[in-house]
């Protein structure tokens, strides 16, 4: 009786094991089937997802040039051979960005700046400030 029970048990296990492998075999067959993807024409028309360093550098240079052009120079004061431009004092021959101070004319209120391609004149503003008060002592 024990032998029959053992044989029946082994036979049942063999049947169950065979049915489990059948499901795995079906999955393997599905994976092995040739899958259809995109055609080569469609793949070639897709833009490159990676950033091109040359184009990125060109854009950076253009932006740098634009920001340099927007740099505004303003003359605030002239004192003898010195000029206060954008809050800093400069003398003849000093460099401000790509410009060099060529001459300072306090009597005319003009500073001439020279670069490779052009000359720029900065003028003092004629507008008088109401906040400035000059007091002098009268001699007796």
Protein backbone atom coordinates (compact mmCIF):
# COMPACT_ATOMS: atom_id res chain seq x y z
CA UNK A 1 0.00 0.00 0.00
CA UNK A 2 2.85 2.35 0.81
CA UNK A 3 4.41 1.75 -2.58
CA UNK A 4 1.17 2.58 -4.42
CA UNK A 5 0.78 5.77 -2.41
CA UNK A 6 4.35 6.78 -3.15
CA UNK A 7 3.96 6.11 -6.89
CA UNK A 8 0.68 8.07 -7.00
CA UNK A 9 2.28 10.97 -5.19
CA UNK A 10 5.27 11.03 -7.56
CA UNK A 11 2.99 10.81 -10.60
CA UNK A 12 0.87 13.74 -9.33
CA UNK A 13 3.96 15.85 -8.68
CA UNK A 14 5.28 15.07 -12.17
CA UNK A 15 1.97 16.20 -13.73
CA UNK A 16 1.92 19.45 -11.71
CA UNK A 17 5.57 20.18 -12.51
CA UNK A 18 4.95 19.64 -16.22
CA UNK A 19 1.98 22.05 -16.22
CA UNK A 20 4.09 24.80 -14.51
CA UNK A 21 6.84 24.50 -17.12
CA UNK A 22 4.28 24.78 -19.89
CA UNK A 23 3.41 28.34 -18.77
CA UNK A 24 7.08 29.28 -18.69
CA UNK A 25 7.58 27.74 -22.13
CA UNK A 26 4.71 29.90 -23.48
CA UNK A 27 6.38 33.06 -22.10
CA UNK A 28 9.70 32.11 -23.70
CA UNK A 29 8.00 31.56 -27.07
CA UNK A 30 6.39 35.03 -26.86
CA UNK A 31 9.74 36.64 -26.05
CA UNK A 32 11.48 34.89 -28.94
CA UNK A 33 9.01 36.26 -31.48
CA UNK A 34 10.42 39.02 -33.67
CA UNK A 35 9.12 42.39 -32.51
CA UNK A 36 8.42 45.21 -34.90
CA UNK A 37 9.91 48.60 -33.95
CA UNK A 38 10.11 51.95 -35.71
CA UNK A 39 11.28 52.10 -39.28
CA UNK A 40 14.77 53.49 -39.96
CA UNK A 41 13.25 56.53 -41.71
CA UNK A 42 11.29 57.50 -38.60
CA UNK A 43 14.34 56.94 -36.38
CA UNK A 44 16.49 59.20 -38.59
CA UNK A 45 13.87 61.99 -38.41
CA UNK A 46 13.87 62.06 -34.59
CA UNK A 47 16.00 64.97 -33.28
CA UNK A 48 19.10 64.16 -31.26
CA UNK A 49 18.22 64.29 -27.54
CA UNK A 50 21.80 65.17 -26.56
CA UNK A 51 23.05 68.76 -26.44
CA UNK A 52 25.61 69.65 -29.08
CA UNK A 53 28.52 71.38 -27.32
CA UNK A 54 29.46 73.47 -30.37
CA UNK A 55 25.97 74.95 -30.64
CA UNK A 56 25.87 75.53 -26.88
CA UNK A 57 29.21 77.39 -26.99
CA UNK A 58 28.01 79.51 -29.93
CA UNK A 59 24.87 80.48 -28.02
CA UNK A 60 26.94 81.34 -24.95
CA UNK A 61 29.22 83.59 -27.05
CA UNK A 62 26.22 85.38 -28.58
CA UNK A 63 24.72 85.99 -25.14
CA UNK A 64 28.08 87.25 -23.87
CA UNK A 65 28.32 89.71 -26.77
CA UNK A 66 24.78 90.95 -26.14
CA UNK A 67 25.47 91.54 -22.45
CA UNK A 68 28.67 93.43 -23.28
CA UNK A 69 26.78 95.71 -25.66
CA UNK A 70 24.24 96.57 -22.99
CA UNK A 71 26.93 97.87 -20.60
CA UNK A 72 26.11 101.55 -20.07
CA UNK A 73 28.86 104.00 -19.14
CA UNK A 74 27.84 107.08 -17.20
CA UNK A 75 29.99 110.05 -16.27
CA UNK A 76 29.25 111.40 -12.80
CA UNK A 77 32.08 113.85 -12.11
CA UNK A 78 35.34 115.31 -13.41
CA UNK A 79 38.10 116.56 -11.11
CA UNK A 80 41.31 117.80 -12.79
CA UNK A 81 42.67 114.75 -14.68
CA UNK A 82 40.32 112.22 -13.07
CA UNK A 83 36.81 111.16 -14.03
CA UNK A 84 34.18 109.30 -12.02
CA UNK A 85 32.52 106.79 -14.35
CA UNK A 86 29.93 104.33 -13.04
CA UNK A 87 30.88 105.13 -9.45
CA UNK A 88 34.67 104.59 -9.81
CA UNK A 89 37.47 107.11 -10.33
CA UNK A 90 39.68 106.72 -13.43
CA UNK A 91 42.63 108.63 -14.90
CA UNK A 92 43.86 109.04 -18.48
CA UNK A 93 45.01 105.66 -19.84
CA UNK A 94 42.76 103.62 -17.51
CA UNK A 95 40.71 100.79 -19.00
CA UNK A 96 36.95 100.48 -18.63
CA UNK A 97 35.84 97.24 -20.26
CA UNK A 98 37.11 97.39 -23.86
CA UNK A 99 37.57 101.18 -23.72
CA UNK A 100 40.61 103.22 -22.72
CA UNK A 101 40.32 106.79 -21.46
CA UNK A 102 42.00 108.93 -24.12
CA UNK A 103 41.43 112.40 -22.68
CA UNK A 104 39.55 114.25 -19.95
CA UNK A 105 38.42 117.85 -20.53
CA UNK A 106 37.06 119.34 -17.29
CA UNK A 107 36.28 122.75 -18.86
CA UNK A 108 33.92 121.12 -21.40
CA UNK A 109 32.71 118.34 -19.10
CA UNK A 110 33.71 115.63 -21.58
CA UNK A 111 35.63 112.36 -21.34
CA UNK A 112 36.80 110.63 -24.54
CA UNK A 113 36.97 106.84 -24.53
CA UNK A 114 38.71 104.89 -27.29
CA UNK A 115 38.28 101.26 -28.32
CA UNK A 116 39.52 99.33 -31.35
CA UNK A 117 36.51 100.27 -33.44
CA UNK A 118 35.12 103.55 -32.13
CA UNK A 119 35.45 106.61 -29.95
CA UNK A 120 32.85 107.41 -27.29
CA UNK A 121 32.24 110.77 -25.63
CA UNK A 122 30.77 110.90 -22.15
CA UNK A 123 29.24 114.18 -21.02
CA UNK A 124 28.42 115.48 -17.57
CA UNK A 125 24.73 116.02 -17.04
CA UNK A 126 23.66 119.68 -16.98
CA UNK A 127 20.80 119.01 -14.58
CA UNK A 128 21.43 120.67 -11.22
CA UNK A 129 20.57 118.80 -8.08
CA UNK A 130 18.46 120.57 -5.48
CA UNK A 131 20.13 118.54 -2.72
CA UNK A 132 23.55 120.14 -3.17
CA UNK A 133 24.13 123.32 -1.17
CA UNK A 134 27.42 125.20 -1.37
CA UNK A 135 28.15 127.56 1.52
CA UNK A 136 31.03 129.96 1.61
CA UNK A 137 32.42 132.03 4.47
CA UNK A 138 32.46 135.77 3.95
CA UNK A 139 35.61 137.52 5.06
CA UNK A 140 35.16 140.53 7.39
